[in-house]
Amino acid sequence: MPSITGRIEVNLSVRDPGRSAAWYAELLSMQTSYDYVSPDGRMHYICLLEPESELVLCLVGHMDNPGEPFDEVHTGLDHLEFIVDSRDELNEWATRLDELGIAHSGVKAPPYTQNAMLTFRDPDQIQLEFFWRSPSDPDG
């Protein structure tokens, strides 16, 4: 069977790749690794790299995008989850989001799991989550 590397590259369609790239770069300390505009100007493609995890996040703007915000109840992406090492890190991320003026849910511990999460949205309303998986979670 062919294999994969385990590295993930996520490509999101956004309304304004420059604005989204600046937002993600500030939040996650990402660096631009690629910035391309098609010769006809109909597509703008910016890729960011988070050096520690090597996560690659690409933001794609299509001229034909009608401009509606993201809605996770439609087929496709539901949300992006960034896994953190400890529950305390969720509180640190909440503080970071507050410093950046990004609205969020606060750290939540739903009754159906031993895990915890912090939910927020990007400029296109794509739902994002910092997620901590409890070592004692039987499903984790």
C-alpha atoms as a PDB file:
ATOM      1  CA  MET A   1       0.000   0.000   0.000  1.00  0.00           C
ATOM      2  CA  PRO A   2       1.313   3.496  -0.760  1.00  0.00           C
ATOM      3  CA  SER A   3       2.092   5.644   2.265  1.00  0.00           C
ATOM      4  CA  ILE A   4       1.668   9.278   3.231  1.00  0.00           C
ATOM      5  CA  THR A   5       4.095  11.414   5.213  1.00  0.00           C
ATOM      6  CA  GLY A   6       1.707  12.381   8.007  1.00  0.00           C
ATOM      7  CA  ARG A   7       2.187  16.067   7.285  1.00  0.00           C
ATOM      8  CA  ILE A   8      -1.018  17.929   6.521  1.00  0.00           C
ATOM      9  CA  GLU A   9      -1.565  20.764   4.079  1.00  0.00           C
ATOM     10  CA  VAL A  10      -4.945  22.440   4.392  1.00  0.00           C
ATOM     11  CA  ASN A  11      -6.296  24.574   1.542  1.00  0.00           C
ATOM     12  CA  LEU A  12      -9.192  26.919   2.326  1.00  0.00           C
ATOM     13  CA  SER A  13     -11.187  29.047  -0.095  1.00  0.00           C
ATOM     14  CA  VAL A  14     -11.406  32.556   1.361  1.00  0.00           C
ATOM     15  CA  ARG A  15     -12.776  35.905   0.258  1.00  0.00           C
ATOM     16  CA  ASP A  16      -9.512  37.843   0.678  1.00  0.00           C
ATOM     17  CA  PRO A  17      -6.314  35.733   0.829  1.00  0.00           C
ATOM     18  CA  GLY A  18      -4.147  38.676   1.920  1.00  0.00           C
ATOM     19  CA  ARG A  19      -6.402  39.546   4.848  1.00  0.00           C
ATOM     20  CA  SER A  20      -6.750  35.892   5.892  1.00  0.00           C
ATOM     21  CA  ALA A  21      -3.002  35.269   5.575  1.00  0.00           C
ATOM     22  CA  ALA A  22      -2.247  38.243   7.829  1.00  0.00           C
ATOM     23  CA  TRP A  23      -4.820  37.021  10.380  1.00  0.00           C
ATOM     24  CA  TYR A  24      -3.479  33.443  10.516  1.00  0.00           C
ATOM     25  CA  ALA A  25       0.156  34.618  10.487  1.00  0.00           C
ATOM     26  CA  GLU A  26      -0.456  36.827  13.516  1.00  0.00           C
ATOM     27  CA  LEU A  27      -2.486  34.242  15.425  1.00  0.00           C
ATOM     28  CA  LEU A  28      -0.258  31.209  14.815  1.00  0.00           C
ATOM     29  CA  SER A  29       3.117  32.866  14.072  1.00  0.00           C
ATOM     30  CA  MET A  30       3.037  31.436  10.558  1.00  0.00           C
ATOM     31  CA  GLN A  31       5.382  32.469   7.766  1.00  0.00           C
ATOM     32  CA  THR A  32       4.469  32.979   4.114  1.00  0.00           C
ATOM     33  CA  SER A  33       6.061  30.259   2.020  1.00  0.00           C
ATOM     34  CA  TYR A  34       4.243  30.884  -1.276  1.00  0.00           C
ATOM     35  CA  ASP A  35       2.266  33.764  -2.782  1.00  0.00           C
ATOM     36  CA  TYR A  36       0.935  33.348  -6.308  1.00  0.00           C
ATOM     37  CA  VAL A  37      -1.508  35.290  -8.450  1.00  0.00           C
ATOM     38  CA  SER A  38      -2.552  33.634 -11.699  1.00  0.00           C
ATOM     39  CA  PRO A  39      -1.620  35.546 -14.880  1.00  0.00           C
ATOM     40  CA  ASP A  40      -5.277  36.348 -15.522  1.00  0.00           C
ATOM     41  CA  GLY A  41      -5.761  37.512 -11.908  1.00  0.00           C
ATOM     42  CA  ARG A  42      -8.645  35.095 -11.293  1.00  0.00           C
ATOM     43  CA  MET A  43      -6.915  33.222  -8.470  1.00  0.00           C
ATOM     44  CA  HIS A  44      -4.692  34.299  -5.571  1.00  0.00           C
ATOM     45  CA  TYR A  45      -2.991  31.530  -3.597  1.00  0.00           C
ATOM     46  CA  ILE A  46      -1.021  32.161  -0.381  1.00  0.00           C
ATOM     47  CA  CYS A  47       0.567  29.341   1.639  1.00  0.00           C
ATOM     48  CA  LEU A  48       1.701  29.764   5.230  1.00  0.00           C
ATOM     49  CA  LEU A  49       3.972  27.494   7.267  1.00  0.00           C
ATOM     50  CA  GLU A  50       3.962  27.024  11.021  1.00  0.00           C
ATOM     51  CA  PRO A  51       7.631  26.068  11.553  1.00  0.00           C
ATOM     52  CA  GLU A  52       7.305  24.008  14.731  1.00  0.00           C
ATOM     53  CA  SER A  53       4.518  21.657  13.609  1.00  0.00           C
ATOM     54  CA  GLU A  54       5.196  22.081   9.868  1.00  0.00           C
ATOM     55  CA  LEU A  55       1.481  22.672   9.301  1.00  0.00           C
ATOM     56  CA  VAL A  56       0.935  24.218   5.867  1.00  0.00           C
ATOM     57  CA  LEU A  57      -2.172  26.355   5.489  1.00  0.00           C
ATOM     58  CA  CYS A  58      -2.999  27.664   2.031  1.00  0.00           C
ATOM     59  CA  LEU A  59      -5.585  30.372   1.465  1.00  0.00           C
ATOM     60  CA  VAL A  60      -7.122  30.466  -1.982  1.00  0.00           C
ATOM     61  CA  GLY A  61      -9.076  33.369  -3.400  1.00  0.00           C
ATOM     62  CA  HIS A  62     -11.130  32.806  -6.547  1.00  0.00           C
ATOM     63  CA  MET A  63     -12.413  35.788  -8.511  1.00  0.00           C
ATOM     64  CA  ASP A  64     -15.722  33.916  -8.939  1.00  0.00           C
ATOM     65  CA  ASN A  65     -16.215  33.635  -5.162  1.00  0.00           C
ATOM     66  CA  PRO A  66     -19.609  35.266  -4.506  1.00  0.00           C
ATOM     67  CA  GLY A  67     -18.382  36.466  -1.089  1.00  0.00           C
ATOM     68  CA  GLU A  68     -20.713  34.643   1.274  1.00  0.00           C
ATOM     69  CA  PRO A  69     -19.251  33.666   4.669  1.00  0.00           C
ATOM     70  CA  PHE A  70     -18.429  30.050   5.515  1.00  0.00           C
ATOM     71  CA  ASP A  71     -21.233  27.832   6.850  1.00  0.00           C
ATOM     72  CA  GLU A  72     -20.289  24.507   8.441  1.00  0.00           C
ATOM     73  CA  VAL A  73     -23.764  23.021   7.958  1.00  0.00           C
ATOM     74  CA  HIS A  74     -23.108  22.641   4.216  1.00  0.00           C
ATOM     75  CA  THR A  75     -21.288  19.618   2.802  1.00  0.00           C
ATOM     76  CA  GLY A  76     -17.537  20.033   3.044  1.00  0.00           C
ATOM     77  CA  LEU A  77     -15.436  21.350   5.888  1.00  0.00           C
ATOM     78  CA  ASP A  78     -16.992  21.403   9.356  1.00  0.00           C
ATOM     79  CA  HIS A  79     -14.101  22.977  11.288  1.00  0.00           C
ATOM     80  CA  LEU A  80     -10.327  22.884  11.719  1.00  0.00           C
ATOM     81  CA  GLU A  81      -8.994  21.584  14.996  1.00  0.00           C
ATOM     82  CA  PHE A  82      -5.547  22.449  16.336  1.00  0.00           C
ATOM     83  CA  ILE A  83      -4.481  19.902  18.969  1.00  0.00           C
ATOM     84  CA  VAL A  84      -2.688  21.259  22.045  1.00  0.00           C
ATOM     85  CA  ASP A  85      -0.539  19.338  24.540  1.00  0.00           C
ATOM     86  CA  SER A  86      -2.239  20.317  27.794  1.00  0.00           C
ATOM     87  CA  ARG A  87      -5.486  21.682  29.151  1.00  0.00           C
ATOM     88  CA  ASP A  88      -3.563  24.662  30.557  1.00  0.00           C
ATOM     89  CA  GLU A  89      -2.584  25.588  26.992  1.00  0.00           C
ATOM     90  CA  LEU A  90      -6.265  26.140  26.201  1.00  0.00           C
ATOM     91  CA  ASN A  91      -6.302  28.912  28.818  1.00  0.00           C
ATOM     92  CA  GLU A  92      -3.125  30.377  27.286  1.00  0.00           C
ATOM     93  CA  TRP A  93      -4.785  30.348  23.847  1.00  0.00           C
ATOM     94  CA  ALA A  94      -7.884  32.033  25.300  1.00  0.00           C
ATOM     95  CA  THR A  95      -5.640  34.799  26.635  1.00  0.00           C
ATOM     96  CA  ARG A  96      -3.912  35.076  23.226  1.00  0.00           C
ATOM     97  CA  LEU A  97      -7.272  35.357  21.439  1.00  0.00           C
ATOM     98  CA  ASP A  98      -8.333  38.052  23.919  1.00  0.00           C
ATOM     99  CA  GLU A  99      -5.100  39.979  23.253  1.00  0.00           C
ATOM    100  CA  LEU A 100      -5.813  39.834  19.503  1.00  0.00           C
ATOM    101  CA  GLY A 101      -9.450  40.866  19.943  1.00  0.00           C
ATOM    102  CA  ILE A 102     -10.734  37.563  18.542  1.00  0.00           C
ATOM    103  CA  ALA A 103     -14.112  36.498  19.927  1.00  0.00           C
ATOM    104  CA  HIS A 104     -14.203  32.929  21.280  1.00  0.00           C
ATOM    105  CA  SER A 105     -16.263  30.452  23.276  1.00  0.00           C
ATOM    106  CA  GLY A 106     -14.034  30.295  26.321  1.00  0.00           C
ATOM    107  CA  VAL A 107     -12.626  26.925  27.314  1.00  0.00           C
ATOM    108  CA  LYS A 108     -15.442  24.373  27.193  1.00  0.00           C
ATOM    109  CA  ALA A 109     -15.566  20.851  28.639  1.00  0.00           C
ATOM    110  CA  PRO A 110     -18.663  19.227  27.107  1.00  0.00           C
ATOM    111  CA  PRO A 111     -20.453  16.653  29.277  1.00  0.00           C
ATOM    112  CA  TYR A 112     -20.116  13.928  26.620  1.00  0.00           C
ATOM    113  CA  THR A 113     -16.284  13.820  26.721  1.00  0.00           C
ATOM    114  CA  GLN A 114     -13.308  14.254  29.052  1.00  0.00           C
ATOM    115  CA  ASN A 115     -11.679  16.514  26.471  1.00  0.00           C
ATOM    116  CA  ALA A 116     -11.805  20.322  26.334  1.00  0.00           C
ATOM    117  CA  MET A 117     -11.899  22.894  23.548  1.00  0.00           C
ATOM    118  CA  LEU A 118     -11.809  26.567  22.683  1.00  0.00           C
ATOM    119  CA  THR A 119     -13.829  27.568  19.614  1.00  0.00           C
ATOM    120  CA  PHE A 120     -13.501  30.711  17.471  1.00  0.00           C
ATOM    121  CA  ARG A 121     -13.837  31.852  13.836  1.00  0.00           C
ATOM    122  CA  ASP A 122     -11.541  33.294  11.201  1.00  0.00           C
ATOM    123  CA  PRO A 123     -12.363  36.365   9.032  1.00  0.00           C
ATOM    124  CA  ASP A 124     -14.444  34.158   6.675  1.00  0.00           C
ATOM    125  CA  GLN A 125     -16.336  32.639   9.625  1.00  0.00           C
ATOM    126  CA  ILE A 126     -14.564  29.280   9.266  1.00  0.00           C
ATOM    127  CA  GLN A 127     -14.924  27.571  12.616  1.00  0.00           C
ATOM    128  CA  LEU A 128     -11.593  26.856  14.315  1.00  0.00           C
ATOM    129  CA  GLU A 129     -10.861  25.039  17.535  1.00  0.00           C
ATOM    130  CA  PHE A 130      -7.953  24.544  19.877  1.00  0.00           C
ATOM    131  CA  PHE A 131      -8.555  21.051  21.247  1.00  0.00           C
ATOM    132  CA  TRP A 132      -7.065  19.145  24.157  1.00  0.00           C
ATOM    133  CA  ARG A 133      -7.527  15.385  24.245  1.00  0.00           C
ATOM    134  CA  SER A 134      -7.539  13.992  27.770  1.00  0.00           C
ATOM    135  CA  PRO A 135      -5.077  11.109  28.274  1.00  0.00           C
ATOM    136  CA  SER A 136      -7.860   9.309  30.138  1.00  0.00           C
ATOM    137  CA  ASP A 137     -10.389   9.676  27.283  1.00  0.00           C
ATOM    138  CA  PRO A 138     -11.281   6.123  26.193  1.00  0.00           C
ATOM    139  CA  ASP A 139     -11.837   7.291  22.594  1.00  0.00           C
ATOM    140  CA  GLY A 140      -8.610   9.285  22.372  1.00  0.00           C
END
